[in-house]
C-alpha atoms as a PDB file:
ATOM      1  CA  MET A   1      78.798  63.618  63.770  1.00  0.00           C
ATOM      2  CA  GLU A   2      81.002  66.157  65.471  1.00  0.00           C
ATOM      3  CA  TYR A   3      80.210  67.327  69.019  1.00  0.00           C
ATOM      4  CA  SER A   4      80.030  71.028  68.191  1.00  0.00           C
ATOM      5  CA  HIS A   5      77.705  70.362  65.255  1.00  0.00           C
ATOM      6  CA  LEU A   6      75.416  68.272  67.487  1.00  0.00           C
ATOM      7  CA  VAL A   7      75.306  70.990  70.145  1.00  0.00           C
ATOM      8  CA  GLU A   8      74.670  73.747  67.585  1.00  0.00           C
ATOM      9  CA  SER A   9      71.867  71.686  66.067  1.00  0.00           C
ATOM     10  CA  SER A  10      70.365  71.050  69.501  1.00  0.00           C
ATOM     11  CA  ALA A  11      70.452  74.756  70.343  1.00  0.00           C
ATOM     12  CA  ARG A  12      68.851  75.599  66.996  1.00  0.00           C
ATOM     13  CA  ILE A  13      66.076  73.018  67.535  1.00  0.00           C
ATOM     14  CA  VAL A  14      65.260  74.406  70.993  1.00  0.00           C
ATOM     15  CA  GLU A  15      65.361  77.932  69.559  1.00  0.00           C
ATOM     16  CA  ILE A  16      62.908  76.973  66.813  1.00  0.00           C
ATOM     17  CA  ALA A  17      60.688  75.305  69.420  1.00  0.00           C
ATOM     18  CA  GLY A  18      60.705  78.546  71.448  1.00  0.00           C
ATOM     19  CA  VAL A  19      59.679  80.619  68.447  1.00  0.00           C
ATOM     20  CA  GLY A  20      57.055  77.994  67.577  1.00  0.00           C
ATOM     21  CA  VAL A  21      55.605  78.200  71.087  1.00  0.00           C
ATOM     22  CA  LEU A  22      55.420  81.990  70.795  1.00  0.00           C
ATOM     23  CA  LEU A  23      53.645  81.852  67.437  1.00  0.00           C
ATOM     24  CA  LEU A  24      51.323  78.991  68.326  1.00  0.00           C
ATOM     25  CA  GLY A  25      50.511  80.582  71.670  1.00  0.00           C
ATOM     26  CA  ALA A  26      49.622  83.868  69.993  1.00  0.00           C
ATOM     27  CA  LEU A  27      47.403  82.120  67.452  1.00  0.00           C
ATOM     28  CA  LEU A  28      45.659  80.021  70.090  1.00  0.00           C
ATOM     29  CA  ALA A  29      45.194  83.024  72.377  1.00  0.00           C
ATOM     30  CA  GLY A  30      43.636  84.932  69.482  1.00  0.00           C
ATOM     31  CA  GLY A  31      41.309  82.035  68.712  1.00  0.00           C
ATOM     32  CA  VAL A  32      40.251  81.703  72.341  1.00  0.00           C
ATOM     33  CA  PHE A  33      39.693  85.476  72.449  1.00  0.00           C
ATOM     34  CA  VAL A  34      37.321  85.286  69.478  1.00  0.00           C
ATOM     35  CA  PHE A  35      35.573  82.307  71.085  1.00  0.00           C
ATOM     36  CA  ARG A  36      35.131  84.206  74.357  1.00  0.00           C
ATOM     37  CA  LEU A  37      33.733  87.178  72.479  1.00  0.00           C
ATOM     38  CA  SER A  38      31.250  84.956  70.652  1.00  0.00           C
ATOM     39  CA  ARG A  39      30.010  83.528  73.940  1.00  0.00           C
ATOM     40  CA  THR A  40      29.173  87.067  75.089  1.00  0.00           C
ATOM     41  CA  THR A  41      31.387  86.963  78.162  1.00  0.00           C
ATOM     42  CA  GLY A  42      31.984  90.648  77.569  1.00  0.00           C
ATOM     43  CA  PHE A  43      34.853  92.380  75.878  1.00  0.00           C
ATOM     44  CA  GLU A  44      36.652  93.215  79.110  1.00  0.00           C
ATOM     45  CA  ASN A  45      36.691  89.585  80.318  1.00  0.00           C
ATOM     46  CA  ALA A  46      37.741  88.348  76.884  1.00  0.00           C
ATOM     47  CA  TYR A  47      40.485  90.984  76.735  1.00  0.00           C
ATOM     48  CA  HIS A  48      41.882  90.068  80.157  1.00  0.00           C
ATOM     49  CA  GLY A  49      41.810  86.399  79.162  1.00  0.00           C
ATOM     50  CA  LEU A  50      43.703  87.278  75.979  1.00  0.00           C
ATOM     51  CA  ARG A  51      46.389  89.105  77.939  1.00  0.00           C
ATOM     52  CA  THR A  52      46.706  86.190  80.347  1.00  0.00           C
ATOM     53  CA  ASP A  53      46.956  83.621  77.551  1.00  0.00           C
ATOM     54  CA  LEU A  54      49.498  85.705  75.637  1.00  0.00           C
ATOM     55  CA  GLY A  55      51.542  86.187  78.802  1.00  0.00           C
ATOM     56  CA  ARG A  56      51.657  82.448  79.430  1.00  0.00           C
ATOM     57  CA  ALA A  57      52.739  81.764  75.850  1.00  0.00           C
ATOM     58  CA  ILE A  58      55.470  84.391  76.095  1.00  0.00           C
ATOM     59  CA  LEU A  59      56.694  82.963  79.414  1.00  0.00           C
ATOM     60  CA  LEU A  60      57.001  79.464  77.987  1.00  0.00           C
ATOM     61  CA  GLY A  61      58.649  80.733  74.800  1.00  0.00           C
ATOM     62  CA  LEU A  62      61.156  82.780  76.818  1.00  0.00           C
ATOM     63  CA  GLU A  63      62.080  79.739  78.900  1.00  0.00           C
ATOM     64  CA  LEU A  64      62.856  77.748  75.759  1.00  0.00           C
ATOM     65  CA  LEU A  65      64.871  80.611  74.277  1.00  0.00           C
ATOM     66  CA  VAL A  66      66.921  80.876  77.482  1.00  0.00           C
ATOM     67  CA  ILE A  67      67.630  77.139  77.267  1.00  0.00           C
ATOM     68  CA  ALA A  68      68.773  77.567  73.661  1.00  0.00           C
ATOM     69  CA  ASP A  69      71.055  80.446  74.652  1.00  0.00           C
ATOM     70  CA  ILE A  70      72.608  78.427  77.455  1.00  0.00           C
ATOM     71  CA  ILE A  71      73.219  75.447  75.186  1.00  0.00           C
ATOM     72  CA  GLY A  72      74.633  77.633  72.427  1.00  0.00           C
ATOM     73  CA  THR A  73      76.904  79.695  74.645  1.00  0.00           C
ATOM     74  CA  VAL A  74      78.175  77.353  77.325  1.00  0.00           C
ATOM     75  CA  ALA A  75      78.472  74.148  75.324  1.00  0.00           C
ATOM     76  CA  ILE A  76      79.905  75.553  72.098  1.00  0.00           C
ATOM     77  CA  GLU A  77      82.346  78.298  73.022  1.00  0.00           C
ATOM     78  CA  PRO A  78      82.489  79.166  76.731  1.00  0.00           C
ATOM     79  CA  THR A  79      84.700  82.260  76.505  1.00  0.00           C
ATOM     80  CA  LEU A  80      84.473  84.970  79.134  1.00  0.00           C
ATOM     81  CA  GLN A  81      82.917  87.373  76.622  1.00  0.00           C
ATOM     82  CA  ASN A  82      80.272  84.833  75.556  1.00  0.00           C
ATOM     83  CA  LEU A  83      79.459  84.047  79.182  1.00  0.00           C
ATOM     84  CA  GLY A  84      79.071  87.775  79.881  1.00  0.00           C
ATOM     85  CA  VAL A  85      76.691  88.155  76.944  1.00  0.00           C
ATOM     86  CA  LEU A  86      74.768  85.100  78.140  1.00  0.00           C
ATOM     87  CA  ALA A  87      74.519  86.575  81.649  1.00  0.00           C
ATOM     88  CA  VAL A  88      73.040  89.797  80.263  1.00  0.00           C
ATOM     89  CA  ILE A  89      70.587  87.910  78.027  1.00  0.00           C
ATOM     90  CA  VAL A  90      69.463  85.658  80.877  1.00  0.00           C
ATOM     91  CA  ALA A  91      69.123  88.648  83.234  1.00  0.00           C
ATOM     92  CA  ILE A  92      66.940  90.514  80.743  1.00  0.00           C
ATOM     93  CA  ARG A  93      64.786  87.473  80.005  1.00  0.00           C
ATOM     94  CA  THR A  94      64.472  86.682  83.717  1.00  0.00           C
ATOM     95  CA  ALA A  95      63.311  90.226  84.413  1.00  0.00           C
ATOM     96  CA  LEU A  96      60.803  89.878  81.576  1.00  0.00           C
ATOM     97  CA  SER A  97      59.606  86.570  82.991  1.00  0.00           C
ATOM     98  CA  PHE A  98      59.082  88.062  86.451  1.00  0.00           C
ATOM     99  CA  THR A  99      57.169  91.055  85.142  1.00  0.00           C
ATOM    100  CA  LEU A 100      55.063  88.850  82.856  1.00  0.00           C
ATOM    101  CA  GLU A 101      54.287  86.546  85.781  1.00  0.00           C
ATOM    102  CA  LEU A 102      53.181  89.587  87.779  1.00  0.00           C
ATOM    103  CA  GLU A 103      51.025  90.719  84.853  1.00  0.00           C
ATOM    104  CA  VAL A 104      49.459  87.283  84.298  1.00  0.00           C
ATOM    105  CA  SER A 105      48.826  86.164  87.868  1.00  0.00           C
ATOM    106  CA  GLY A 106      48.759  89.460  89.745  1.00  0.00           C
ATOM    107  CA  ARG A 107      51.561  88.427  92.109  1.00  0.00           C
ATOM    108  CA  TRP A 108      55.278  87.719  92.051  1.00  0.00           C
ATOM    109  CA  PRO A 109      56.381  84.110  91.370  1.00  0.00           C
ATOM    110  CA  TRP A 110      57.410  83.561  95.001  1.00  0.00           C
ATOM    111  CA  GLN A 111      54.008  84.769  96.292  1.00  0.00           C
ATOM    112  CA  ARG A 112      51.980  81.633  95.635  1.00  0.00           C
ATOM    113  CA  THR A 113      48.589  81.116  97.210  1.00  0.00           C
ATOM    114  CA  ALA A 114      48.002  78.252  99.610  1.00  0.00           C
ATOM    115  CA  ALA A 115      46.006  76.432  96.883  1.00  0.00           C
ATOM    116  CA  GLY A 116      48.893  76.819  94.423  1.00  0.00           C
ATOM    117  CA  ARG A 117      51.384  75.030  96.676  1.00  0.00           C
END
């Protein structure tokens, strides 16, 4: 098996895993939302739980997609143009991750509580 084919396949597998995490996370978050509603925890609590669960699924999916982009760009064809595109993609996904973390936990990633350390 050729090196470039192995790397492309690896990037594709991680990419598929990222999409799978996004889809599975959305389905599970929806199921948990329905469960919370059935336990009469109130719509507002169930809704906030749904947003938190969806945010966590998106964060994990984004991390896997960034890994796939790095593998696909750096290992296959590390041209200056491809590295520039990768830098923009990673910057956008990092900004999304930070804002999602703020949305999910109510604080920036570097502002951990004493219990979280």
